[in-house]
């Protein structure tokens, strides 16, 4: 059995996203899914840095340095898309307003553990946003 490329995997996941879904694409490979969503389906892509209505990557030369996703990759904004404070973005995640999340492999271990880390100091643990995204979404892919 041959392995799927990142592009083939992104295209496969994109086909499974239903119309009207609110979807968070994690940093890395999951962002490629935006490039394979069918134009005839209304799907709302969310980025934790405060974008709802994110579109695919721009054509070469059409990048706007002010329009990036959470992984600092250039993106487009679909008609009706909006920007908001990242605190509001995290409230969307924690409030269960996402239908689907797709996380990259570096955010999830091979056993399915979510990425987090600790400074080792009591009361000073830190966690990635992946935890909130993962817990709030109804469907999870990695």
Foldseek 3Di string as FASTA:
>chain_A
DDDDDLLRVLLVVLVPDAAPFEEEQAPDSSLSVLVNHDPVGHYWYDALQFKTQWHHADDVPPFDQVAAGPNSGGTHHDVVMDGDHSVVSLCCLQVLVGAEYEYDDVQADPVGHGDFAQPPDPPGTGGDSVVSNVVRYNYYHD
